[in-house]
Amino acid sequence: MSEQVVEDLEDLGQPTPEGELVHWMGRKPLTVGPAGLSAAVGAGFTLGVMAAVAVLALTHWLGPERVVEPPRRRGRG
């Protein structure tokens, strides 16, 4: 069960030198499964596409004004 052998029963209630009495109540490290990893990759891709579209829209909006000239009619003559 445990690799540690308790010499006296009084030692069971004593905190460890780090000040912790129990370790099982501590937070577990963050783990991400396959679904979470897929969601993170998809969200990153979507964010990248949206950023690229926003940059292209801003460059078009802030770019030089271009005047479209109507086609000239070729007259007879």
C-alpha atoms as a PDB file:
ATOM      1  CA  MET A   1       0.000   0.000   0.000  1.00  0.00           C
ATOM      2  CA  SER A   2       2.631   2.472   1.012  1.00  0.00           C
ATOM      3  CA  GLU A   3       6.378   2.395   0.731  1.00  0.00           C
ATOM      4  CA  GLN A   4       6.755   4.340   3.960  1.00  0.00           C
ATOM      5  CA  VAL A   5       6.688   2.471   7.221  1.00  0.00           C
ATOM      6  CA  VAL A   6       5.347   4.359  10.211  1.00  0.00           C
ATOM      7  CA  GLU A   7       7.329   3.688  13.374  1.00  0.00           C
ATOM      8  CA  ASP A   8       4.913   5.277  15.827  1.00  0.00           C
ATOM      9  CA  LEU A   9       1.213   5.976  15.495  1.00  0.00           C
ATOM     10  CA  GLU A  10       1.847   9.500  16.772  1.00  0.00           C
ATOM     11  CA  ASP A  11       3.830  10.290  13.620  1.00  0.00           C
ATOM     12  CA  LEU A  12       0.721   9.896  11.463  1.00  0.00           C
ATOM     13  CA  GLY A  13      -0.772  13.204  12.549  1.00  0.00           C
ATOM     14  CA  GLN A  14       2.403  15.217  12.136  1.00  0.00           C
ATOM     15  CA  PRO A  15       2.677  17.459   9.078  1.00  0.00           C
ATOM     16  CA  THR A  16       5.538  16.955   6.649  1.00  0.00           C
ATOM     17  CA  PRO A  17       8.507  19.354   6.699  1.00  0.00           C
ATOM     18  CA  GLU A  18       6.884  21.272   3.811  1.00  0.00           C
ATOM     19  CA  GLY A  19       3.871  21.943   6.008  1.00  0.00           C
ATOM     20  CA  GLU A  20       1.418  19.688   4.161  1.00  0.00           C
ATOM     21  CA  LEU A  21      -0.579  17.086   6.030  1.00  0.00           C
ATOM     22  CA  VAL A  22      -2.220  15.451   3.030  1.00  0.00           C
ATOM     23  CA  HIS A  23      -1.286  15.506  -0.633  1.00  0.00           C
ATOM     24  CA  TRP A  24      -4.463  14.032  -2.108  1.00  0.00           C
ATOM     25  CA  MET A  25      -6.336  17.322  -1.701  1.00  0.00           C
ATOM     26  CA  GLY A  26      -3.865  19.205  -3.881  1.00  0.00           C
ATOM     27  CA  ARG A  27      -4.839  20.278  -7.373  1.00  0.00           C
ATOM     28  CA  LYS A  28      -4.045  17.913 -10.191  1.00  0.00           C
ATOM     29  CA  PRO A  29      -1.939  19.157 -13.091  1.00  0.00           C
ATOM     30  CA  LEU A  30      -3.898  20.359 -16.093  1.00  0.00           C
ATOM     31  CA  THR A  31      -4.461  17.608 -18.639  1.00  0.00           C
ATOM     32  CA  VAL A  32      -6.013  18.024 -22.058  1.00  0.00           C
ATOM     33  CA  GLY A  33      -7.484  15.089 -23.922  1.00  0.00           C
ATOM     34  CA  PRO A  34      -7.804  14.603 -27.674  1.00  0.00           C
ATOM     35  CA  ALA A  35     -11.089  16.537 -27.817  1.00  0.00           C
ATOM     36  CA  GLY A  36      -9.605  19.483 -25.943  1.00  0.00           C
ATOM     37  CA  LEU A  37      -6.521  19.496 -28.150  1.00  0.00           C
ATOM     38  CA  SER A  38      -8.676  19.426 -31.287  1.00  0.00           C
ATOM     39  CA  ALA A  39     -10.800  22.281 -29.974  1.00  0.00           C
ATOM     40  CA  ALA A  40      -7.698  24.349 -29.168  1.00  0.00           C
ATOM     41  CA  VAL A  41      -6.213  23.767 -32.637  1.00  0.00           C
ATOM     42  CA  GLY A  42      -9.534  24.606 -34.307  1.00  0.00           C
ATOM     43  CA  ALA A  43      -9.927  27.764 -32.260  1.00  0.00           C
ATOM     44  CA  GLY A  44      -6.371  28.833 -33.093  1.00  0.00           C
ATOM     45  CA  PHE A  45      -6.936  28.241 -36.793  1.00  0.00           C
ATOM     46  CA  THR A  46     -10.203  30.189 -36.722  1.00  0.00           C
ATOM     47  CA  LEU A  47      -8.548  33.055 -34.856  1.00  0.00           C
ATOM     48  CA  GLY A  48      -5.744  33.140 -37.431  1.00  0.00           C
ATOM     49  CA  VAL A  49      -8.157  33.221 -40.361  1.00  0.00           C
ATOM     50  CA  MET A  50     -10.193  35.995 -38.736  1.00  0.00           C
ATOM     51  CA  ALA A  51      -7.030  38.017 -38.067  1.00  0.00           C
ATOM     52  CA  ALA A  52      -5.906  37.623 -41.694  1.00  0.00           C
ATOM     53  CA  VAL A  53      -9.321  38.707 -43.005  1.00  0.00           C
ATOM     54  CA  ALA A  54      -9.313  41.699 -40.634  1.00  0.00           C
ATOM     55  CA  VAL A  55      -5.842  42.769 -41.825  1.00  0.00           C
ATOM     56  CA  LEU A  56      -6.885  42.466 -45.462  1.00  0.00           C
ATOM     57  CA  ALA A  57     -10.051  44.475 -44.795  1.00  0.00           C
ATOM     58  CA  LEU A  58      -8.075  47.188 -43.004  1.00  0.00           C
ATOM     59  CA  THR A  59      -5.509  47.451 -45.796  1.00  0.00           C
ATOM     60  CA  HIS A  60      -8.319  47.754 -48.324  1.00  0.00           C
ATOM     61  CA  TRP A  61     -10.170  50.316 -46.215  1.00  0.00           C
ATOM     62  CA  LEU A  62      -7.075  52.371 -45.398  1.00  0.00           C
ATOM     63  CA  GLY A  63      -5.478  51.974 -48.826  1.00  0.00           C
ATOM     64  CA  PRO A  64      -5.344  54.670 -51.494  1.00  0.00           C
ATOM     65  CA  GLU A  65      -8.596  55.743 -53.055  1.00  0.00           C
ATOM     66  CA  ARG A  66      -8.874  54.346 -56.525  1.00  0.00           C
ATOM     67  CA  VAL A  67     -11.153  55.964 -59.029  1.00  0.00           C
ATOM     68  CA  VAL A  68     -12.680  53.618 -61.536  1.00  0.00           C
ATOM     69  CA  GLU A  69     -12.900  55.266 -64.893  1.00  0.00           C
ATOM     70  CA  PRO A  70     -15.869  54.378 -67.053  1.00  0.00           C
ATOM     71  CA  PRO A  71     -14.992  52.725 -70.365  1.00  0.00           C
ATOM     72  CA  ARG A  72     -14.604  55.216 -73.215  1.00  0.00           C
ATOM     73  CA  ARG A  73     -16.943  54.890 -76.084  1.00  0.00           C
ATOM     74  CA  ARG A  74     -15.315  54.393 -79.371  1.00  0.00           C
ATOM     75  CA  GLY A  75     -16.873  56.824 -81.653  1.00  0.00           C
ATOM     76  CA  ARG A  76     -17.080  56.656 -85.386  1.00  0.00           C
ATOM     77  CA  GLY A  77     -14.542  58.626 -86.908  1.00  0.00           C
END
